[in-house]
C-alpha atoms as a PDB file:
ATOM      1  CA  MET A   1    -108.396 -40.711  28.282  1.00  0.00           C
ATOM      2  CA  THR A   2    -109.853 -39.050  25.221  1.00  0.00           C
ATOM      3  CA  ILE A   3    -112.759 -36.598  25.438  1.00  0.00           C
ATOM      4  CA  SER A   4    -115.028 -35.648  22.544  1.00  0.00           C
ATOM      5  CA  GLN A   5    -118.333 -33.820  22.249  1.00  0.00           C
ATOM      6  CA  ASN A   6    -121.122 -33.602  19.739  1.00  0.00           C
ATOM      7  CA  GLN A   7    -124.685 -32.356  19.305  1.00  0.00           C
ATOM      8  CA  PHE A   8    -127.474 -34.208  17.559  1.00  0.00           C
ATOM      9  CA  THR A   9    -130.879 -33.079  16.331  1.00  0.00           C
ATOM     10  CA  LEU A  10    -133.062 -36.102  16.919  1.00  0.00           C
ATOM     11  CA  GLY A  11    -136.125 -37.500  15.244  1.00  0.00           C
ATOM     12  CA  THR A  12    -138.622 -40.146  16.289  1.00  0.00           C
ATOM     13  CA  VAL A  13    -136.442 -43.001  14.988  1.00  0.00           C
ATOM     14  CA  ALA A  14    -133.534 -44.179  17.154  1.00  0.00           C
ATOM     15  CA  GLU A  15    -130.090 -43.090  15.985  1.00  0.00           C
ATOM     16  CA  ILE A  16    -126.652 -43.806  17.362  1.00  0.00           C
ATOM     17  CA  VAL A  17    -125.276 -40.973  19.503  1.00  0.00           C
ATOM     18  CA  CYS A  18    -122.314 -42.830  21.000  1.00  0.00           C
ATOM     19  CA  PRO A  19    -120.777 -45.647  18.959  1.00  0.00           C
ATOM     20  CA  ALA A  20    -119.348 -48.773  20.538  1.00  0.00           C
ATOM     21  CA  ASP A  21    -115.654 -48.756  21.392  1.00  0.00           C
ATOM     22  CA  ARG A  22    -113.127 -51.398  22.373  1.00  0.00           C
ATOM     23  CA  ASN A  23    -112.751 -49.662  25.770  1.00  0.00           C
ATOM     24  CA  PRO A  24    -115.386 -48.561  28.302  1.00  0.00           C
ATOM     25  CA  GLN A  25    -116.795 -45.048  27.898  1.00  0.00           C
ATOM     26  CA  ARG A  26    -118.270 -42.471  30.251  1.00  0.00           C
ATOM     27  CA  VAL A  27    -121.067 -40.538  28.540  1.00  0.00           C
ATOM     28  CA  PHE A  28    -122.886 -37.376  29.618  1.00  0.00           C
ATOM     29  CA  MET A  29    -126.173 -36.635  27.818  1.00  0.00           C
ATOM     30  CA  HIS A  30    -127.834 -33.217  28.056  1.00  0.00           C
ATOM     31  CA  ASN A  31    -131.356 -32.521  26.833  1.00  0.00           C
ATOM     32  CA  GLN A  32    -130.688 -29.020  25.504  1.00  0.00           C
ATOM     33  CA  GLU A  33    -134.340 -28.076  25.198  1.00  0.00           C
ATOM     34  CA  THR A  34    -136.384 -25.878  27.521  1.00  0.00           C
ATOM     35  CA  GLY A  35    -140.051 -26.138  28.356  1.00  0.00           C
ATOM     36  CA  THR A  36    -142.233 -29.083  29.211  1.00  0.00           C
ATOM     37  CA  THR A  37    -142.948 -32.271  27.282  1.00  0.00           C
ATOM     38  CA  LYS A  38    -139.748 -32.121  25.225  1.00  0.00           C
ATOM     39  CA  LEU A  39    -138.397 -35.547  26.020  1.00  0.00           C
ATOM     40  CA  ILE A  40    -135.291 -37.348  24.779  1.00  0.00           C
ATOM     41  CA  TYR A  41    -135.277 -41.122  25.083  1.00  0.00           C
ATOM     42  CA  PHE A  42    -132.146 -43.274  25.245  1.00  0.00           C
ATOM     43  CA  GLY A  43    -131.310 -46.961  25.167  1.00  0.00           C
ATOM     44  CA  ASN A  44    -130.026 -49.712  22.887  1.00  0.00           C
ATOM     45  CA  LYS A  45    -130.599 -50.272  19.151  1.00  0.00           C
ATOM     46  CA  ASP A  46    -134.183 -51.452  19.802  1.00  0.00           C
ATOM     47  CA  LEU A  47    -135.113 -48.120  21.422  1.00  0.00           C
ATOM     48  CA  SER A  48    -138.628 -46.732  21.036  1.00  0.00           C
ATOM     49  CA  ILE A  49    -140.780 -44.232  22.905  1.00  0.00           C
ATOM     50  CA  ALA A  50    -142.602 -47.196  24.456  1.00  0.00           C
ATOM     51  CA  ASN A  51    -139.472 -48.830  25.946  1.00  0.00           C
ATOM     52  CA  GLY A  52    -136.925 -46.011  26.362  1.00  0.00           C
ATOM     53  CA  VAL A  53    -135.842 -44.120  29.447  1.00  0.00           C
ATOM     54  CA  HIS A  54    -136.391 -40.383  29.021  1.00  0.00           C
ATOM     55  CA  ILE A  55    -134.479 -37.229  29.929  1.00  0.00           C
ATOM     56  CA  ASP A  56    -136.568 -34.181  30.807  1.00  0.00           C
ATOM     57  CA  SER A  57    -135.810 -30.759  29.315  1.00  0.00           C
ATOM     58  CA  GLY A  58    -132.553 -29.334  30.674  1.00  0.00           C
ATOM     59  CA  GLU A  59    -131.610 -32.568  32.455  1.00  0.00           C
ATOM     60  CA  VAL A  60    -128.163 -34.211  32.296  1.00  0.00           C
ATOM     61  CA  VAL A  61    -127.508 -37.917  32.828  1.00  0.00           C
ATOM     62  CA  GLN A  62    -124.217 -39.779  33.139  1.00  0.00           C
ATOM     63  CA  LEU A  63    -123.793 -43.339  31.874  1.00  0.00           C
ATOM     64  CA  THR A  64    -120.912 -45.786  31.702  1.00  0.00           C
ATOM     65  CA  LEU A  65    -120.884 -47.942  28.582  1.00  0.00           C
ATOM     66  CA  ASN A  66    -119.023 -51.241  28.734  1.00  0.00           C
ATOM     67  CA  ARG A  67    -116.702 -52.378  25.980  1.00  0.00           C
ATOM     68  CA  GLY A  68    -118.686 -52.921  22.774  1.00  0.00           C
ATOM     69  CA  GLU A  69    -121.843 -51.095  23.908  1.00  0.00           C
ATOM     70  CA  ALA A  70    -123.381 -48.288  21.842  1.00  0.00           C
ATOM     71  CA  LEU A  71    -125.952 -45.675  22.898  1.00  0.00           C
ATOM     72  CA  TYR A  72    -128.997 -44.638  20.854  1.00  0.00           C
ATOM     73  CA  ALA A  73    -131.419 -41.745  21.264  1.00  0.00           C
ATOM     74  CA  LEU A  74    -134.637 -40.325  19.799  1.00  0.00           C
ATOM     75  CA  SER A  75    -136.937 -37.436  20.664  1.00  0.00           C
ATOM     76  CA  ASN A  76    -140.587 -36.639  21.120  1.00  0.00           C
ATOM     77  CA  PRO A  77    -141.427 -34.315  19.451  1.00  0.00           C
ATOM     78  CA  THR A  78    -139.007 -34.544  16.523  1.00  0.00           C
ATOM     79  CA  GLY A  79    -136.240 -31.944  16.142  1.00  0.00           C
ATOM     80  CA  LEU A  80    -134.950 -31.820  19.734  1.00  0.00           C
ATOM     81  CA  LYS A  81    -131.241 -31.362  20.452  1.00  0.00           C
ATOM     82  CA  VAL A  82    -129.101 -33.550  22.684  1.00  0.00           C
ATOM     83  CA  GLY A  83    -125.517 -32.776  23.665  1.00  0.00           C
ATOM     84  CA  ILE A  84    -123.082 -35.654  24.184  1.00  0.00           C
ATOM     85  CA  LEU A  85    -119.781 -35.542  26.061  1.00  0.00           C
ATOM     86  CA  ARG A  86    -117.896 -38.810  25.614  1.00  0.00           C
ATOM     87  CA  GLN A  87    -114.827 -39.895  27.565  1.00  0.00           C
ATOM     88  CA  LYS A  88    -113.028 -43.025  26.376  1.00  0.00           C
ATOM     89  CA  MET A  89    -111.402 -44.789  29.301  1.00  0.00           C
ATOM     90  CA  ASP A  90    -108.036 -46.452  28.889  1.00  0.00           C
ATOM     91  CA  GLU A  91    -107.627 -50.019  30.004  1.00  0.00           C
END
């Protein structure tokens, strides 16, 4: 298994934070902001504030991406930071 990490400063347009891989991936996302109403939204390439699932300030979520799936994120307001820990699983 390979582990990598990255930080992104997000805007209000969805951007890829975990690219698709030929193997499944375990992903941890951390909204690195503090305070209220600093939300990070995540989903697929069609992500928007209207259809995304959000992470509250300081919250961490864990996701498993299947082979070929990518993860996108955006923020409201713009300029929020998200930390990503990505573990590629061997098959």
